[in-house]
Amino acid sequence: MMAILRLFSGSAEIVAAILMLYFNDAKKALVINSVLAFVGPSVLIITMSIGIISVANELSFLKIVFLLMGISCILIAVFK
């Protein structure tokens, strides 16, 4: 499932680049890029959630806390 989401994300990036080339307009490219700014973090959150759920039974509680803290730092950096 994680790989499928990454394929979707990569495909969205390629389609966005093609659309930017097709429209050849800075304003439209900015709109397309803003949509990508939403897709990227969303895919990150979903894939990380799937990964954490799948390995949660193999990790100690402390390791899960550190993992969640690291993910939080990434998300704070992305959104601020």
N, C-alpha and C. Protein backbone atom coordinates (compact mmCIF):
# COMPACT_ATOMS: atom_id res chain seq x y z
N MET A 1 0.82 -1.20 0.00
CA MET A 1 0.00 0.00 0.00
C MET A 1 0.87 1.26 0.00
N MET A 2 1.97 1.22 0.75
CA MET A 2 2.87 2.38 0.78
C MET A 2 3.45 2.64 -0.60
N ALA A 3 3.83 1.59 -1.29
CA ALA A 3 4.40 1.74 -2.63
C ALA A 3 3.37 2.31 -3.61
N ILE A 4 2.13 1.87 -3.48
CA ILE A 4 1.07 2.39 -4.36
C ILE A 4 0.87 3.88 -4.12
N LEU A 5 0.88 4.29 -2.85
CA LEU A 5 0.73 5.71 -2.55
C LEU A 5 1.90 6.52 -3.11
N ARG A 6 3.10 5.98 -3.03
CA ARG A 6 4.28 6.67 -3.58
C ARG A 6 4.20 6.73 -5.10
N LEU A 7 3.69 5.69 -5.74
CA LEU A 7 3.49 5.73 -7.19
C LEU A 7 2.48 6.81 -7.56
N PHE A 8 1.42 6.90 -6.77
CA PHE A 8 0.43 7.95 -7.00
C PHE A 8 1.06 9.33 -6.85
N SER A 9 1.86 9.51 -5.81
CA SER A 9 2.49 10.80 -5.57
C SER A 9 3.46 11.16 -6.70
N GLY A 10 4.26 10.21 -7.12
CA GLY A 10 5.18 10.46 -8.22
C GLY A 10 4.46 10.75 -9.53
N SER A 11 3.38 10.03 -9.76
CA SER A 11 2.58 10.27 -10.96
C SER A 11 1.96 11.66 -10.93
N ALA A 12 1.51 12.08 -9.76
CA ALA A 12 0.93 13.42 -9.63
C ALA A 12 1.99 14.48 -9.93
N GLU A 13 3.22 14.25 -9.49
CA GLU A 13 4.31 15.19 -9.77
C GLU A 13 4.58 15.27 -11.28
N ILE A 14 4.61 14.14 -11.94
CA ILE A 14 4.87 14.12 -13.38
C ILE A 14 3.74 14.79 -14.16
N VAL A 15 2.50 14.48 -13.78
CA VAL A 15 1.36 15.09 -14.45
C VAL A 15 1.37 16.60 -14.23
N ALA A 16 1.73 17.03 -13.02
CA ALA A 16 1.79 18.47 -12.74
C ALA A 16 2.85 19.15 -13.60
N ALA A 17 4.00 18.51 -13.76
CA ALA A 17 5.05 19.08 -14.61
C ALA A 17 4.59 19.18 -16.06
N ILE A 18 3.90 18.16 -16.53
CA ILE A 18 3.39 18.19 -17.91
C ILE A 18 2.35 19.30 -18.07
N LEU A 19 1.48 19.45 -17.07
CA LEU A 19 0.47 20.51 -17.13
C LEU A 19 1.12 21.89 -17.13
N MET A 20 2.16 22.06 -16.33
CA MET A 20 2.87 23.34 -16.31
C MET A 20 3.47 23.65 -17.67
N LEU A 21 4.05 22.64 -18.30
CA LEU A 21 4.61 22.83 -19.64
C LEU A 21 3.51 23.11 -20.67
N TYR A 22 2.38 22.44 -20.52
CA TYR A 22 1.28 22.60 -21.46
C TYR A 22 0.69 24.01 -21.39
N PHE A 23 0.40 24.47 -20.17
CA PHE A 23 -0.23 25.78 -20.01
C PHE A 23 0.77 26.93 -20.25
N ASN A 24 2.03 26.72 -19.91
CA ASN A 24 3.08 27.71 -20.15
C ASN A 24 2.70 29.09 -19.60
N ASP A 25 2.16 29.09 -18.38
CA ASP A 25 1.73 30.33 -17.73
C ASP A 25 2.15 30.27 -16.27
N ALA A 26 2.81 31.31 -15.80
CA ALA A 26 3.33 31.31 -14.43
C ALA A 26 2.22 31.24 -13.39
N LYS A 27 1.11 31.91 -13.64
CA LYS A 27 0.00 31.90 -12.67
C LYS A 27 -0.60 30.51 -12.55
N LYS A 28 -0.82 29.86 -13.67
CA LYS A 28 -1.38 28.51 -13.65
C LYS A 28 -0.38 27.52 -13.05
N ALA A 29 0.89 27.72 -13.31
CA ALA A 29 1.92 26.86 -12.73
C ALA A 29 1.94 27.01 -11.21
N LEU A 30 1.73 28.22 -10.74
CA LEU A 30 1.68 28.46 -9.30
C LEU A 30 0.50 27.75 -8.66
N VAL A 31 -0.64 27.76 -9.34
CA VAL A 31 -1.82 27.04 -8.82
C VAL A 31 -1.56 25.54 -8.78
N ILE A 32 -0.97 25.02 -9.84
CA ILE A 32 -0.65 23.58 -9.89
C ILE A 32 0.34 23.22 -8.79
N ASN A 33 1.33 24.07 -8.59
CA ASN A 33 2.32 23.83 -7.55
C ASN A 33 1.71 23.88 -6.16
N SER A 34 0.72 24.74 -5.95
CA SER A 34 0.08 24.81 -4.65
C SER A 34 -0.73 23.54 -4.36
N VAL A 35 -1.30 22.95 -5.39
CA VAL A 35 -1.99 21.68 -5.21
C VAL A 35 -0.99 20.59 -4.81
N LEU A 36 0.19 20.61 -5.42
CA LEU A 36 1.23 19.64 -5.07
C LEU A 36 1.71 19.84 -3.63
N ALA A 37 1.68 21.08 -3.17
CA ALA A 37 2.09 21.35 -1.78
C ALA A 37 1.13 20.69 -0.79
N PHE A 38 -0.08 20.43 -1.20
CA PHE A 38 -1.04 19.72 -0.36
C PHE A 38 -0.88 18.21 -0.49
N VAL A 39 -0.64 17.74 -1.70
CA VAL A 39 -0.54 16.30 -1.96
C VAL A 39 0.68 15.70 -1.26
N GLY A 40 1.82 16.36 -1.34
CA GLY A 40 3.06 15.82 -0.78
C GLY A 40 2.98 15.48 0.71
N PRO A 41 2.64 16.45 1.56
CA PRO A 41 2.54 16.15 2.99
C PRO A 41 1.43 15.14 3.32
N SER A 42 0.36 15.17 2.55
CA SER A 42 -0.73 14.20 2.79
C SER A 42 -0.24 12.78 2.55
N VAL A 43 0.47 12.57 1.45
CA VAL A 43 1.01 11.24 1.15
C VAL A 43 2.02 10.85 2.22
N LEU A 44 2.84 11.80 2.67
CA LEU A 44 3.81 11.52 3.73
C LEU A 44 3.11 11.05 5.00
N ILE A 45 2.09 11.75 5.41
CA ILE A 45 1.37 11.39 6.64
C ILE A 45 0.74 10.01 6.50
N ILE A 46 0.10 9.74 5.38
CA ILE A 46 -0.58 8.46 5.19
C ILE A 46 0.42 7.31 5.14
N THR A 47 1.51 7.48 4.38
CA THR A 47 2.49 6.39 4.29
C THR A 47 3.18 6.14 5.62
N MET A 48 3.49 7.20 6.35
CA MET A 48 4.11 7.02 7.67
C MET A 48 3.14 6.33 8.62
N SER A 49 1.87 6.66 8.55
CA SER A 49 0.87 6.01 9.40
C SER A 49 0.78 4.52 9.10
N ILE A 50 0.76 4.19 7.82
CA ILE A 50 0.71 2.77 7.44
C ILE A 50 1.95 2.05 7.94
N GLY A 51 3.11 2.66 7.78
CA GLY A 51 4.36 2.05 8.24
C GLY A 51 4.39 1.86 9.75
N ILE A 52 3.96 2.87 10.48
CA ILE A 52 3.96 2.77 11.94
C ILE A 52 3.00 1.69 12.42
N ILE A 53 1.83 1.64 11.82
CA ILE A 53 0.85 0.62 12.21
C ILE A 53 1.39 -0.78 11.94
N SER A 54 2.10 -0.93 10.82
CA SER A 54 2.58 -2.27 10.47
C SER A 54 3.73 -2.75 11.35
N VAL A 55 4.52 -1.84 11.90
CA VAL A 55 5.64 -2.26 12.76
C VAL A 55 5.42 -1.94 14.24
N ALA A 56 4.23 -1.47 14.58
CA ALA A 56 3.98 -1.06 15.96
C ALA A 56 4.14 -2.20 16.96
N ASN A 57 3.80 -3.40 16.58
CA ASN A 57 3.91 -4.51 17.52
C ASN A 57 5.35 -4.96 17.71
N GLU A 58 6.27 -4.53 16.83
CA GLU A 58 7.68 -4.90 16.95
C GLU A 58 8.51 -3.86 17.70
N LEU A 59 7.95 -2.67 17.93
CA LEU A 59 8.68 -1.59 18.56
C LEU A 59 8.26 -1.42 20.01
N SER A 60 9.20 -0.95 20.82
CA SER A 60 8.87 -0.63 22.20
C SER A 60 8.13 0.70 22.23
N PHE A 61 7.49 0.95 23.35
CA PHE A 61 6.73 2.20 23.50
C PHE A 61 7.64 3.41 23.35
N LEU A 62 8.83 3.36 23.91
CA LEU A 62 9.77 4.48 23.85
C LEU A 62 10.19 4.76 22.40
N LYS A 63 10.43 3.72 21.63
CA LYS A 63 10.81 3.90 20.23
C LYS A 63 9.67 4.52 19.42
N ILE A 64 8.45 4.13 19.72
CA ILE A 64 7.30 4.72 19.04
C ILE A 64 7.18 6.19 19.38
N VAL A 65 7.43 6.55 20.65
CA VAL A 65 7.38 7.95 21.05
C VAL A 65 8.43 8.76 20.29
N PHE A 66 9.66 8.23 20.20
CA PHE A 66 10.71 8.93 19.45
C PHE A 66 10.35 9.04 17.98
N LEU A 67 9.77 8.02 17.41
CA LEU A 67 9.35 8.04 16.02
C LEU A 67 8.30 9.11 15.79
N LEU A 68 7.31 9.18 16.66
CA LEU A 68 6.27 10.19 16.53
C LEU A 68 6.82 11.60 16.72
N MET A 69 7.80 11.75 17.60
CA MET A 69 8.44 13.06 17.79
C MET A 69 9.18 13.48 16.51
N GLY A 70 9.85 12.54 15.87
CA GLY A 70 10.55 12.83 14.63
C GLY A 70 9.60 13.22 13.52
N ILE A 71 8.50 12.49 13.41
CA ILE A 71 7.48 12.82 12.40
C ILE A 71 6.89 14.19 12.68
N SER A 72 6.66 14.49 13.95
CA SER A 72 6.13 15.80 14.31
C SER A 72 7.09 16.91 13.89
N CYS A 73 8.38 16.70 14.09
CA CYS A 73 9.37 17.71 13.68
C CYS A 73 9.33 17.92 12.17
N ILE A 74 9.20 16.83 11.41
CA ILE A 74 9.10 16.96 9.95
C ILE A 74 7.86 17.75 9.56
N LEU A 75 6.73 17.45 10.17
CA LEU A 75 5.49 18.13 9.83
C LEU A 75 5.54 19.59 10.23
N ILE A 76 6.13 19.89 11.37
CA ILE A 76 6.26 21.29 11.79
C ILE A 76 7.12 22.05 10.78
N ALA A 77 8.20 21.44 10.33
CA ALA A 77 9.07 22.08 9.35
C ALA A 77 8.36 22.30 8.01
N VAL A 78 7.49 21.37 7.63
CA VAL A 78 6.79 21.48 6.36
C VAL A 78 5.73 22.59 6.42
N PHE A 79 5.01 22.67 7.52
CA PHE A 79 3.88 23.59 7.59
C PHE A 79 4.23 24.97 8.12
N LYS A 80 5.40 25.20 8.63
CA LYS A 80 5.77 26.53 9.16
C LYS A 80 6.75 27.20 8.27
